[in-house]
Amino acid sequence: MRFFSKLAVLCNFCFLVAVVMWYLEFHKKYTGANEKVFALPWLESTFVILGYGAIIVNVLFLLICFIFTAFKMQLKVATWMIVFSILAFAGQVYFFFFN
């Protein structure tokens, strides 16, 4: 569970970076030969893939946390990771379904 929580936080962080890159590319006009946010396209692609896949990892993580708390099992995960995942999940739902 500790590894899965770290993976969820990493994917949520990548989601935030991907949203910032989307916003910069969508609202800003670039001049020059390279019209990317980052000069490294493989890094940008990694952030986007991990960030957009974060909603799946986040749903599984929050579902497992809910099951653990429903059966009164002890979670060995920091509280800030759960709170960050809940807030990121709310942002992901808004970004994917209402934006």
C-alpha atoms as a PDB file:
ATOM      1  CA  MET A   1       0.000   0.000   0.000  1.00  0.00           C
ATOM      2  CA  ARG A   2       2.879   2.385   0.680  1.00  0.00           C
ATOM      3  CA  PHE A   3       4.294   1.882  -2.834  1.00  0.00           C
ATOM      4  CA  PHE A   4       0.858   2.346  -4.391  1.00  0.00           C
ATOM      5  CA  SER A   5       0.314   5.568  -2.446  1.00  0.00           C
ATOM      6  CA  LYS A   6       3.654   6.925  -3.672  1.00  0.00           C
ATOM      7  CA  LEU A   7       2.741   5.957  -7.231  1.00  0.00           C
ATOM      8  CA  ALA A   8      -0.599   7.752  -6.880  1.00  0.00           C
ATOM      9  CA  VAL A   9       1.088  10.914  -5.582  1.00  0.00           C
ATOM     10  CA  LEU A  10       3.636  10.798  -8.426  1.00  0.00           C
ATOM     11  CA  CYS A  11       0.882  10.406 -11.024  1.00  0.00           C
ATOM     12  CA  ASN A  12      -1.129  13.225  -9.422  1.00  0.00           C
ATOM     13  CA  PHE A  13       1.920  15.482  -9.560  1.00  0.00           C
ATOM     14  CA  CYS A  14       2.384  14.585 -13.248  1.00  0.00           C
ATOM     15  CA  PHE A  15      -1.293  15.404 -13.808  1.00  0.00           C
ATOM     16  CA  LEU A  16      -0.770  18.882 -12.350  1.00  0.00           C
ATOM     17  CA  VAL A  17       2.286  19.410 -14.573  1.00  0.00           C
ATOM     18  CA  ALA A  18       0.354  18.168 -17.632  1.00  0.00           C
ATOM     19  CA  VAL A  19      -2.516  20.570 -16.915  1.00  0.00           C
ATOM     20  CA  VAL A  20      -0.096  23.483 -16.592  1.00  0.00           C
ATOM     21  CA  MET A  21       1.557  22.500 -19.898  1.00  0.00           C
ATOM     22  CA  TRP A  22      -1.878  22.199 -21.555  1.00  0.00           C
ATOM     23  CA  TYR A  23      -2.825  25.638 -20.285  1.00  0.00           C
ATOM     24  CA  LEU A  24       0.422  27.193 -21.515  1.00  0.00           C
ATOM     25  CA  GLU A  25       0.129  25.603 -24.954  1.00  0.00           C
ATOM     26  CA  PHE A  26      -3.551  26.450 -25.272  1.00  0.00           C
ATOM     27  CA  HIS A  27      -3.426  30.076 -24.190  1.00  0.00           C
ATOM     28  CA  LYS A  28      -0.036  31.276 -25.328  1.00  0.00           C
ATOM     29  CA  LYS A  29       1.218  31.885 -28.826  1.00  0.00           C
ATOM     30  CA  TYR A  30       4.798  30.822 -29.380  1.00  0.00           C
ATOM     31  CA  THR A  31       7.188  32.270 -31.895  1.00  0.00           C
ATOM     32  CA  GLY A  32      10.151  30.432 -33.245  1.00  0.00           C
ATOM     33  CA  ALA A  33      10.958  26.997 -34.543  1.00  0.00           C
ATOM     34  CA  ASN A  34      10.203  25.120 -31.333  1.00  0.00           C
ATOM     35  CA  GLU A  35       6.562  25.583 -30.334  1.00  0.00           C
ATOM     36  CA  LYS A  36       6.662  23.383 -27.227  1.00  0.00           C
ATOM     37  CA  VAL A  37       6.544  24.177 -23.535  1.00  0.00           C
ATOM     38  CA  PHE A  38       9.625  22.045 -22.876  1.00  0.00           C
ATOM     39  CA  ALA A  39      12.550  21.678 -25.229  1.00  0.00           C
ATOM     40  CA  LEU A  40      12.556  17.940 -24.439  1.00  0.00           C
ATOM     41  CA  PRO A  41       9.528  16.305 -26.096  1.00  0.00           C
ATOM     42  CA  TRP A  42      10.106  12.953 -24.362  1.00  0.00           C
ATOM     43  CA  LEU A  43       9.820  14.640 -20.950  1.00  0.00           C
ATOM     44  CA  GLU A  44       6.645  16.403 -21.948  1.00  0.00           C
ATOM     45  CA  SER A  45       5.173  13.147 -23.264  1.00  0.00           C
ATOM     46  CA  THR A  46       6.068  11.333 -20.045  1.00  0.00           C
ATOM     47  CA  PHE A  47       4.292  13.951 -17.945  1.00  0.00           C
ATOM     48  CA  VAL A  48       1.220  13.797 -20.168  1.00  0.00           C
ATOM     49  CA  ILE A  49       0.968  10.000 -20.189  1.00  0.00           C
ATOM     50  CA  LEU A  50       1.483   9.648 -16.437  1.00  0.00           C
ATOM     51  CA  GLY A  51      -0.771  12.617 -15.759  1.00  0.00           C
ATOM     52  CA  TYR A  52      -3.677  11.487 -17.882  1.00  0.00           C
ATOM     53  CA  GLY A  53      -3.415   7.950 -16.516  1.00  0.00           C
ATOM     54  CA  ALA A  54      -3.480   9.332 -12.982  1.00  0.00           C
ATOM     55  CA  ILE A  55      -7.253   9.234 -12.780  1.00  0.00           C
ATOM     56  CA  ILE A  56      -7.203   5.432 -13.014  1.00  0.00           C
ATOM     57  CA  VAL A  57      -4.477   5.083 -10.392  1.00  0.00           C
ATOM     58  CA  ASN A  58      -6.220   7.627  -8.193  1.00  0.00           C
ATOM     59  CA  VAL A  59      -9.594   5.859  -8.343  1.00  0.00           C
ATOM     60  CA  LEU A  60      -7.980   2.557  -7.391  1.00  0.00           C
ATOM     61  CA  PHE A  61      -5.997   4.145  -4.548  1.00  0.00           C
ATOM     62  CA  LEU A  62      -9.000   5.968  -3.094  1.00  0.00           C
ATOM     63  CA  LEU A  63     -11.175   2.868  -3.443  1.00  0.00           C
ATOM     64  CA  ILE A  64      -8.613   0.779  -1.553  1.00  0.00           C
ATOM     65  CA  CYS A  65      -8.375   3.474   1.133  1.00  0.00           C
ATOM     66  CA  PHE A  66     -12.162   3.479   1.451  1.00  0.00           C
ATOM     67  CA  ILE A  67     -12.253  -0.320   1.771  1.00  0.00           C
ATOM     68  CA  PHE A  68      -9.527  -0.260   4.427  1.00  0.00           C
ATOM     69  CA  THR A  69     -11.375   2.342   6.469  1.00  0.00           C
ATOM     70  CA  ALA A  70     -14.739   0.609   6.006  1.00  0.00           C
ATOM     71  CA  PHE A  71     -13.387  -2.633   7.473  1.00  0.00           C
ATOM     72  CA  LYS A  72     -11.473  -0.737  10.185  1.00  0.00           C
ATOM     73  CA  MET A  73      -8.092  -1.931   8.940  1.00  0.00           C
ATOM     74  CA  GLN A  74      -5.030   0.156   9.684  1.00  0.00           C
ATOM     75  CA  LEU A  75      -3.732   2.278   6.805  1.00  0.00           C
ATOM     76  CA  LYS A  76       0.038   2.690   6.688  1.00  0.00           C
ATOM     77  CA  VAL A  77      -0.210   5.762   4.515  1.00  0.00           C
ATOM     78  CA  ALA A  78       0.391   9.385   5.473  1.00  0.00           C
ATOM     79  CA  THR A  79      -2.751  11.463   5.815  1.00  0.00           C
ATOM     80  CA  TRP A  80      -1.421  14.174   3.515  1.00  0.00           C
ATOM     81  CA  MET A  81      -1.150  11.621   0.677  1.00  0.00           C
ATOM     82  CA  ILE A  82      -4.816  10.729   1.027  1.00  0.00           C
ATOM     83  CA  VAL A  83      -5.884  14.378   1.225  1.00  0.00           C
ATOM     84  CA  PHE A  84      -3.709  15.271  -1.784  1.00  0.00           C
ATOM     85  CA  SER A  85      -5.204  12.363  -3.747  1.00  0.00           C
ATOM     86  CA  ILE A  86      -8.749  13.446  -2.916  1.00  0.00           C
ATOM     87  CA  LEU A  87      -8.043  17.014  -4.016  1.00  0.00           C
ATOM     88  CA  ALA A  88      -6.269  15.834  -7.171  1.00  0.00           C
ATOM     89  CA  PHE A  89      -9.161  13.489  -7.950  1.00  0.00           C
ATOM     90  CA  ALA A  90     -11.598  16.392  -7.704  1.00  0.00           C
ATOM     91  CA  GLY A  91      -9.395  18.337 -10.122  1.00  0.00           C
ATOM     92  CA  GLN A  92      -9.160  15.369 -12.473  1.00  0.00           C
ATOM     93  CA  VAL A  93     -12.936  14.902 -12.545  1.00  0.00           C
ATOM     94  CA  TYR A  94     -13.378  18.588 -13.292  1.00  0.00           C
ATOM     95  CA  PHE A  95     -10.671  18.607 -15.990  1.00  0.00           C
ATOM     96  CA  PHE A  96     -11.814  15.459 -17.792  1.00  0.00           C
ATOM     97  CA  PHE A  97     -15.595  15.717 -17.500  1.00  0.00           C
ATOM     98  CA  PHE A  98     -16.530  19.374 -17.019  1.00  0.00           C
ATOM     99  CA  ASN A  99     -13.831  21.290 -18.855  1.00  0.00           C
END
